[in-house]
Amino acid sequence: MTVQRIKAEFDARWESWGVALPEEDLTARRGGALRQVEGSGLIRYAFGKSEDDREYLEYYSFHRIGGDSHGRIYDTGEFERLDSLQTMYISSGTEEEVRRRKDEMYERNRKLLEDLHNAGLMDGGPVPHSFQINAYLTTDDRDSDDSD
């Protein structure tokens, strides 16, 4: 396997944004961030190894119009879609179901944020304020005394 497959898959995936994985980051297995050319998108990425010792690049992309996406690209070129921040849920409207759906969303998002931090995708670089605000609103980590 070769990490050049990671670069090829990443570059093809984000070609429409006008970005490519820097060769020096690939060689050093160094994470970073890339901004969409002439757009509002941002991609944060970090390298890692799976339990079966395969190298991968994990990324999280932020886009205020197109939405977020999260995935891993393995040294085989294989792509794995991962969870992104959930900002809505569907409910029939019963009070019990609304509470259950909210709780599920809050728990899912708390787990996602922990995973993103552990992967190095939230530290040491830009994270859009819109993502920070949405994460705050969709994890129920607000002070319970707040009336807003």
N, C-alpha and C. Protein backbone atom coordinates (compact mmCIF):
# COMPACT_ATOMS: atom_id res chain seq x y z
N MET A 1 0.84 -1.17 0.00
CA MET A 1 0.00 0.00 0.00
C MET A 1 0.89 1.24 0.00
N THR A 2 0.33 2.31 -0.48
CA THR A 2 1.11 3.53 -0.57
C THR A 2 0.27 4.74 -0.17
N VAL A 3 0.90 5.68 0.49
CA VAL A 3 0.18 6.88 0.89
C VAL A 3 -0.13 7.76 -0.32
N GLN A 4 0.50 7.51 -1.45
CA GLN A 4 0.17 8.26 -2.65
C GLN A 4 -1.29 8.01 -3.06
N ARG A 5 -1.83 6.85 -2.69
CA ARG A 5 -3.26 6.59 -2.96
C ARG A 5 -4.14 7.51 -2.12
N ILE A 6 -3.67 7.82 -0.91
CA ILE A 6 -4.41 8.77 -0.07
C ILE A 6 -4.47 10.12 -0.78
N LYS A 7 -3.33 10.58 -1.25
CA LYS A 7 -3.27 11.88 -1.95
C LYS A 7 -4.15 11.88 -3.19
N ALA A 8 -4.06 10.82 -3.98
CA ALA A 8 -4.85 10.76 -5.22
C ALA A 8 -6.35 10.82 -4.92
N GLU A 9 -6.80 10.07 -3.92
CA GLU A 9 -8.22 10.06 -3.56
C GLU A 9 -8.64 11.41 -2.98
N PHE A 10 -7.82 11.96 -2.10
CA PHE A 10 -8.13 13.26 -1.50
C PHE A 10 -8.23 14.34 -2.58
N ASP A 11 -7.21 14.40 -3.44
CA ASP A 11 -7.19 15.43 -4.48
C ASP A 11 -8.38 15.31 -5.43
N ALA A 12 -8.75 14.09 -5.78
CA ALA A 12 -9.90 13.89 -6.66
C ALA A 12 -11.20 14.30 -5.96
N ARG A 13 -11.30 13.97 -4.69
CA ARG A 13 -12.50 14.28 -3.91
C ARG A 13 -12.70 15.79 -3.78
N TRP A 14 -11.63 16.56 -3.65
CA TRP A 14 -11.73 17.99 -3.40
C TRP A 14 -11.29 18.86 -4.57
N GLU A 15 -11.19 18.26 -5.75
CA GLU A 15 -10.79 19.00 -6.94
C GLU A 15 -11.71 20.20 -7.20
N SER A 16 -13.01 20.04 -7.00
CA SER A 16 -13.94 21.13 -7.27
C SER A 16 -13.74 22.31 -6.32
N TRP A 17 -13.08 22.10 -5.21
CA TRP A 17 -12.78 23.18 -4.27
C TRP A 17 -11.47 23.87 -4.62
N GLY A 18 -10.72 23.30 -5.57
CA GLY A 18 -9.45 23.89 -5.96
C GLY A 18 -8.33 23.66 -4.96
N VAL A 19 -8.43 22.58 -4.18
CA VAL A 19 -7.39 22.28 -3.19
C VAL A 19 -6.78 20.91 -3.48
N ALA A 20 -5.55 20.74 -3.02
CA ALA A 20 -4.85 19.45 -3.12
C ALA A 20 -4.04 19.28 -1.85
N LEU A 21 -3.91 18.04 -1.42
CA LEU A 21 -3.13 17.72 -0.23
C LEU A 21 -1.67 18.06 -0.49
N PRO A 22 -1.07 18.92 0.34
CA PRO A 22 0.33 19.28 0.14
C PRO A 22 1.25 18.06 0.28
N GLU A 23 2.14 17.88 -0.67
CA GLU A 23 3.06 16.75 -0.67
C GLU A 23 3.89 16.69 0.62
N GLU A 24 4.29 17.88 1.11
CA GLU A 24 5.10 17.90 2.34
C GLU A 24 4.32 17.41 3.56
N ASP A 25 3.01 17.66 3.61
CA ASP A 25 2.19 17.14 4.71
C ASP A 25 2.05 15.63 4.60
N LEU A 26 1.90 15.14 3.38
CA LEU A 26 1.80 13.70 3.15
C LEU A 26 3.09 13.01 3.58
N THR A 27 4.22 13.52 3.15
CA THR A 27 5.52 12.93 3.46
C THR A 27 5.77 12.91 4.97
N ALA A 28 5.44 14.02 5.65
CA ALA A 28 5.68 14.13 7.09
C ALA A 28 4.52 13.57 7.92
N ARG A 29 3.44 13.15 7.25
CA ARG A 29 2.22 12.69 7.93
C ARG A 29 1.76 13.78 8.91
N ARG A 30 1.73 15.00 8.41
CA ARG A 30 1.40 16.18 9.21
C ARG A 30 0.00 16.65 8.84
N GLY A 31 -0.80 16.89 9.84
CA GLY A 31 -2.14 17.40 9.62
C GLY A 31 -2.11 18.87 9.26
N GLY A 32 -3.25 19.37 8.86
CA GLY A 32 -3.34 20.77 8.50
C GLY A 32 -4.74 21.17 8.12
N ALA A 33 -4.84 22.29 7.44
CA ALA A 33 -6.13 22.83 7.00
C ALA A 33 -5.96 23.45 5.63
N LEU A 34 -7.00 23.31 4.81
CA LEU A 34 -7.01 23.90 3.47
C LEU A 34 -8.31 24.66 3.29
N ARG A 35 -8.22 25.85 2.74
CA ARG A 35 -9.41 26.66 2.45
C ARG A 35 -9.81 26.49 0.99
N GLN A 36 -11.10 26.40 0.77
CA GLN A 36 -11.65 26.32 -0.58
C GLN A 36 -11.26 27.58 -1.35
N VAL A 37 -10.81 27.40 -2.58
CA VAL A 37 -10.48 28.54 -3.43
C VAL A 37 -11.79 29.20 -3.85
N GLU A 38 -11.88 30.50 -3.63
CA GLU A 38 -13.07 31.28 -3.99
C GLU A 38 -14.36 30.71 -3.40
N GLY A 39 -14.30 30.31 -2.14
CA GLY A 39 -15.48 29.78 -1.47
C GLY A 39 -15.32 29.86 0.04
N SER A 40 -16.32 29.37 0.74
CA SER A 40 -16.32 29.45 2.21
C SER A 40 -15.90 28.15 2.88
N GLY A 41 -15.52 27.14 2.11
CA GLY A 41 -15.20 25.83 2.68
C GLY A 41 -13.84 25.76 3.35
N LEU A 42 -13.73 24.89 4.33
CA LEU A 42 -12.49 24.62 5.04
C LEU A 42 -12.41 23.12 5.30
N ILE A 43 -11.25 22.55 5.06
CA ILE A 43 -11.02 21.13 5.34
C ILE A 43 -9.88 21.03 6.36
N ARG A 44 -10.14 20.35 7.46
CA ARG A 44 -9.09 20.03 8.44
C ARG A 44 -8.78 18.55 8.26
N TYR A 45 -7.50 18.18 8.33
CA TYR A 45 -7.12 16.79 8.12
C TYR A 45 -6.00 16.39 9.07
N ALA A 46 -5.94 15.10 9.35
CA ALA A 46 -4.91 14.54 10.23
C ALA A 46 -4.65 13.11 9.77
N PHE A 47 -3.46 12.63 10.04
CA PHE A 47 -3.09 11.26 9.68
C PHE A 47 -3.20 10.35 10.89
N GLY A 48 -3.43 9.08 10.63
CA GLY A 48 -3.53 8.10 11.71
C GLY A 48 -3.28 6.70 11.18
N LYS A 49 -3.35 5.75 12.11
CA LYS A 49 -3.23 4.33 11.76
C LYS A 49 -4.39 3.57 12.36
N SER A 50 -4.94 2.67 11.59
CA SER A 50 -6.06 1.85 12.06
C SER A 50 -5.54 0.74 12.96
N GLU A 51 -6.46 0.04 13.60
CA GLU A 51 -6.08 -1.08 14.47
C GLU A 51 -5.35 -2.18 13.70
N ASP A 52 -5.65 -2.31 12.41
CA ASP A 52 -4.95 -3.32 11.59
C ASP A 52 -3.73 -2.72 10.88
N ASP A 53 -3.23 -1.58 11.40
CA ASP A 53 -1.98 -0.95 10.99
C ASP A 53 -2.01 -0.34 9.59
N ARG A 54 -3.21 -0.01 9.08
CA ARG A 54 -3.30 0.71 7.81
C ARG A 54 -3.23 2.20 8.07
N GLU A 55 -2.47 2.91 7.25
CA GLU A 55 -2.41 4.36 7.38
C GLU A 55 -3.65 4.97 6.74
N TYR A 56 -4.07 6.11 7.30
CA TYR A 56 -5.20 6.83 6.71
C TYR A 56 -5.05 8.31 6.97
N LEU A 57 -5.78 9.06 6.18
CA LEU A 57 -5.97 10.48 6.39
C LEU A 57 -7.44 10.65 6.76
N GLU A 58 -7.69 11.29 7.88
CA GLU A 58 -9.05 11.59 8.29
C GLU A 58 -9.27 13.08 8.08
N TYR A 59 -10.43 13.45 7.57
CA TYR A 59 -10.71 14.86 7.35
C TYR A 59 -12.11 15.20 7.83
N TYR A 60 -12.29 16.45 8.11
CA TYR A 60 -13.62 17.01 8.38
C TYR A 60 -13.69 18.30 7.58
N SER A 61 -14.70 18.39 6.72
CA SER A 61 -14.86 19.61 5.92
C SER A 61 -16.06 20.39 6.43
N PHE A 62 -15.90 21.69 6.44
CA PHE A 62 -16.93 22.61 6.90
C PHE A 62 -17.33 23.47 5.71
N HIS A 63 -18.62 23.57 5.47
CA HIS A 63 -19.09 24.47 4.41
C HIS A 63 -20.45 25.02 4.82
N ARG A 64 -20.55 26.33 4.87
CA ARG A 64 -21.78 26.94 5.39
C ARG A 64 -22.99 26.74 4.49
N ILE A 65 -22.78 26.44 3.23
CA ILE A 65 -23.90 26.20 2.33
C ILE A 65 -24.05 24.71 2.04
N GLY A 66 -22.97 24.05 1.68
CA GLY A 66 -23.02 22.64 1.31
C GLY A 66 -23.08 21.68 2.48
N GLY A 67 -22.81 22.16 3.68
CA GLY A 67 -22.84 21.31 4.87
C GLY A 67 -21.48 20.69 5.15
N ASP A 68 -21.41 19.97 6.22
CA ASP A 68 -20.18 19.32 6.67
C ASP A 68 -20.07 17.91 6.11
N SER A 69 -18.84 17.43 6.00
CA SER A 69 -18.62 16.02 5.68
C SER A 69 -17.38 15.55 6.43
N HIS A 70 -17.32 14.26 6.66
CA HIS A 70 -16.27 13.68 7.49
C HIS A 70 -15.96 12.30 6.91
N GLY A 71 -14.69 12.00 6.75
CA GLY A 71 -14.34 10.71 6.20
C GLY A 71 -12.89 10.34 6.43
N ARG A 72 -12.58 9.11 6.08
CA ARG A 72 -11.21 8.60 6.12
C ARG A 72 -10.86 8.05 4.75
N ILE A 73 -9.61 8.31 4.37
CA ILE A 73 -9.08 7.75 3.13
C ILE A 73 -7.88 6.89 3.53
N TYR A 74 -7.98 5.60 3.24
CA TYR A 74 -6.92 4.65 3.62
C TYR A 74 -5.85 4.57 2.55
N ASP A 75 -4.71 4.02 2.92
CA ASP A 75 -3.58 3.89 1.99
C ASP A 75 -3.87 2.95 0.83
N THR A 76 -5.00 2.26 0.87
CA THR A 76 -5.45 1.44 -0.25
C THR A 76 -6.26 2.26 -1.25
N GLY A 77 -6.60 3.51 -0.86
CA GLY A 77 -7.49 4.34 -1.66
C GLY A 77 -8.94 4.20 -1.24
N GLU A 78 -9.20 3.25 -0.34
CA GLU A 78 -10.56 3.02 0.16
C GLU A 78 -11.04 4.24 0.94
N PHE A 79 -12.32 4.60 0.76
CA PHE A 79 -12.92 5.72 1.45
C PHE A 79 -13.96 5.22 2.43
N GLU A 80 -13.96 5.78 3.62
CA GLU A 80 -14.96 5.45 4.64
C GLU A 80 -15.64 6.74 5.08
N ARG A 81 -16.96 6.80 4.90
CA ARG A 81 -17.74 7.97 5.34
C ARG A 81 -17.95 7.85 6.85
N LEU A 82 -17.73 8.95 7.56
CA LEU A 82 -17.91 9.01 9.00
C LEU A 82 -18.99 10.04 9.34
N ASP A 83 -19.45 10.01 10.58
CA ASP A 83 -20.50 10.93 11.02
C ASP A 83 -20.05 12.38 10.94
N SER A 84 -21.01 13.25 10.65
CA SER A 84 -20.78 14.68 10.76
C SER A 84 -21.83 15.24 11.72
N LEU A 85 -21.66 16.49 12.10
CA LEU A 85 -22.53 17.10 13.09
C LEU A 85 -23.98 17.06 12.62
N GLN A 86 -24.85 16.54 13.48
CA GLN A 86 -26.28 16.48 13.19
C GLN A 86 -26.92 17.73 13.79
N THR A 87 -27.62 18.50 12.98
CA THR A 87 -28.22 19.74 13.46
C THR A 87 -29.74 19.72 13.45
N MET A 88 -30.34 18.63 12.94
CA MET A 88 -31.80 18.52 12.92
C MET A 88 -32.19 17.07 13.20
N TYR A 89 -33.42 16.89 13.57
CA TYR A 89 -33.99 15.55 13.72
C TYR A 89 -35.45 15.62 13.30
N ILE A 90 -35.99 14.47 12.94
CA ILE A 90 -37.38 14.37 12.51
C ILE A 90 -38.18 13.72 13.63
N SER A 91 -39.35 14.26 13.89
CA SER A 91 -40.19 13.73 14.95
C SER A 91 -41.65 13.88 14.56
N SER A 92 -42.47 12.98 15.09
CA SER A 92 -43.91 13.08 14.84
C SER A 92 -44.55 14.17 15.70
N GLY A 93 -43.79 14.64 16.68
CA GLY A 93 -44.28 15.76 17.47
C GLY A 93 -44.74 15.41 18.87
N THR A 94 -44.81 14.13 19.22
CA THR A 94 -45.18 13.83 20.60
C THR A 94 -44.05 14.27 21.51
N GLU A 95 -44.42 14.77 22.69
CA GLU A 95 -43.43 15.29 23.63
C GLU A 95 -42.36 14.25 23.97
N GLU A 96 -42.77 13.03 24.16
CA GLU A 96 -41.83 11.95 24.50
C GLU A 96 -40.85 11.69 23.35
N GLU A 97 -41.37 11.65 22.13
CA GLU A 97 -40.49 11.40 20.99
C GLU A 97 -39.53 12.57 20.75
N VAL A 98 -40.00 13.79 20.89
CA VAL A 98 -39.15 14.95 20.72
C VAL A 98 -37.99 14.89 21.71
N ARG A 99 -38.27 14.60 22.98
CA ARG A 99 -37.22 14.51 24.00
C ARG A 99 -36.24 13.39 23.66
N ARG A 100 -36.75 12.23 23.22
CA ARG A 100 -35.89 11.10 22.87
C ARG A 100 -35.00 11.44 21.68
N ARG A 101 -35.57 12.04 20.65
CA ARG A 101 -34.79 12.41 19.45
C ARG A 101 -33.72 13.45 19.79
N LYS A 102 -34.08 14.43 20.61
CA LYS A 102 -33.10 15.43 21.03
C LYS A 102 -31.96 14.78 21.80
N ASP A 103 -32.31 13.92 22.75
CA ASP A 103 -31.29 13.25 23.56
C ASP A 103 -30.36 12.41 22.68
N GLU A 104 -30.93 11.72 21.70
CA GLU A 104 -30.11 10.92 20.77
C GLU A 104 -29.17 11.81 19.97
N MET A 105 -29.68 12.95 19.49
CA MET A 105 -28.84 13.88 18.73
C MET A 105 -27.73 14.44 19.62
N TYR A 106 -28.08 14.86 20.82
CA TYR A 106 -27.08 15.41 21.74
C TYR A 106 -25.97 14.39 22.01
N GLU A 107 -26.35 13.15 22.28
CA GLU A 107 -25.36 12.12 22.59
C GLU A 107 -24.49 11.82 21.37
N ARG A 108 -25.10 11.70 20.20
CA ARG A 108 -24.35 11.44 18.97
C ARG A 108 -23.34 12.55 18.72
N ASN A 109 -23.76 13.81 18.89
CA ASN A 109 -22.87 14.93 18.63
C ASN A 109 -21.76 15.05 19.67
N ARG A 110 -22.07 14.74 20.94
CA ARG A 110 -21.01 14.75 21.96
C ARG A 110 -19.94 13.71 21.62
N LYS A 111 -20.37 12.53 21.18
CA LYS A 111 -19.43 11.47 20.79
C LYS A 111 -18.61 11.92 19.58
N LEU A 112 -19.26 12.53 18.60
CA LEU A 112 -18.56 13.02 17.42
C LEU A 112 -17.49 14.04 17.80
N LEU A 113 -17.83 15.00 18.64
CA LEU A 113 -16.85 16.01 19.04
C LEU A 113 -15.67 15.38 19.76
N GLU A 114 -15.93 14.40 20.59
CA GLU A 114 -14.84 13.68 21.26
C GLU A 114 -13.95 12.98 20.23
N ASP A 115 -14.57 12.31 19.26
CA ASP A 115 -13.80 11.64 18.20
C ASP A 115 -12.97 12.63 17.39
N LEU A 116 -13.54 13.78 17.05
CA LEU A 116 -12.82 14.79 16.29
C LEU A 116 -11.62 15.33 17.07
N HIS A 117 -11.83 15.56 18.36
CA HIS A 117 -10.71 16.01 19.20
C HIS A 117 -9.63 14.94 19.27
N ASN A 118 -10.02 13.69 19.47
CA ASN A 118 -9.05 12.59 19.57
C ASN A 118 -8.27 12.41 18.27
N ALA A 119 -8.90 12.68 17.14
CA ALA A 119 -8.23 12.55 15.84
C ALA A 119 -7.33 13.75 15.54
N GLY A 120 -7.43 14.81 16.33
CA GLY A 120 -6.63 16.01 16.09
C GLY A 120 -7.25 16.95 15.08
N LEU A 121 -8.54 16.80 14.83
CA LEU A 121 -9.20 17.62 13.81
C LEU A 121 -9.79 18.92 14.35
N MET A 122 -9.76 19.11 15.65
CA MET A 122 -10.34 20.32 16.23
C MET A 122 -9.28 21.19 16.91
N ASP A 123 -8.06 20.72 16.98
CA ASP A 123 -7.02 21.41 17.73
C ASP A 123 -5.98 22.01 16.80
N GLY A 124 -5.40 23.11 17.22
CA GLY A 124 -4.25 23.67 16.52
C GLY A 124 -4.52 24.28 15.17
N GLY A 125 -5.72 24.73 14.93
CA GLY A 125 -5.99 25.34 13.64
C GLY A 125 -7.39 25.90 13.58
N PRO A 126 -7.74 26.47 12.45
CA PRO A 126 -9.04 27.12 12.34
C PRO A 126 -10.20 26.13 12.36
N VAL A 127 -11.22 26.47 13.12
CA VAL A 127 -12.50 25.76 13.11
C VAL A 127 -13.55 26.86 12.99
N PRO A 128 -14.39 26.80 11.98
CA PRO A 128 -15.35 27.89 11.76
C PRO A 128 -16.24 28.15 12.98
N HIS A 129 -16.53 29.42 13.20
CA HIS A 129 -17.42 29.80 14.31
C HIS A 129 -18.79 29.17 14.14
N SER A 130 -19.26 29.04 12.90
CA SER A 130 -20.57 28.43 12.68
C SER A 130 -20.60 27.00 13.20
N PHE A 131 -19.50 26.26 13.04
CA PHE A 131 -19.44 24.89 13.56
C PHE A 131 -19.43 24.93 15.09
N GLN A 132 -18.66 25.83 15.67
CA GLN A 132 -18.60 25.93 17.13
C GLN A 132 -19.97 26.25 17.71
N ILE A 133 -20.69 27.16 17.07
CA ILE A 133 -22.02 27.52 17.53
C ILE A 133 -22.98 26.34 17.39
N ASN A 134 -22.98 25.69 16.22
CA ASN A 134 -23.85 24.53 16.02
C ASN A 134 -23.53 23.41 17.01
N ALA A 135 -22.25 23.17 17.26
CA ALA A 135 -21.85 22.14 18.22
C ALA A 135 -22.38 22.48 19.61
N TYR A 136 -22.28 23.74 19.97
CA TYR A 136 -22.78 24.19 21.27
C TYR A 136 -24.29 23.96 21.38
N LEU A 137 -25.01 24.32 20.32
CA LEU A 137 -26.47 24.21 20.35
C LEU A 137 -26.98 22.78 20.26
N THR A 138 -26.19 21.88 19.68
CA THR A 138 -26.68 20.52 19.42
C THR A 138 -26.04 19.46 20.30
N THR A 139 -25.44 19.88 21.41
CA THR A 139 -24.91 18.90 22.36
C THR A 139 -25.53 19.07 23.74
N ASP A 140 -26.37 20.08 23.90
CA ASP A 140 -27.03 20.35 25.18
C ASP A 140 -26.02 20.57 26.29
N ASP A 141 -24.87 21.18 25.95
CA ASP A 141 -23.84 21.46 26.95
C ASP A 141 -23.98 22.89 27.50
N ARG A 142 -25.18 23.44 27.38
CA ARG A 142 -25.41 24.79 27.88
C ARG A 142 -25.73 24.74 29.36
N ASP A 143 -25.49 25.84 30.04
CA ASP A 143 -25.83 25.97 31.46
C ASP A 143 -27.34 25.84 31.61
N SER A 144 -27.80 24.95 32.45
CA SER A 144 -29.23 24.69 32.58
C SER A 144 -29.99 25.89 33.14
N ASP A 145 -29.30 26.89 33.74
CA ASP A 145 -29.95 28.08 34.25
C ASP A 145 -30.23 29.12 33.17
N ASP A 146 -29.69 28.91 31.98
CA ASP A 146 -29.91 29.86 30.89
C ASP A 146 -31.36 29.82 30.46
N SER A 147 -31.93 30.98 30.22
CA SER A 147 -33.32 31.01 29.79
C SER A 147 -33.45 31.09 28.28
N ASP A 148 -32.34 31.28 27.57
CA ASP A 148 -32.38 31.41 26.10
C ASP A 148 -32.30 30.09 25.42
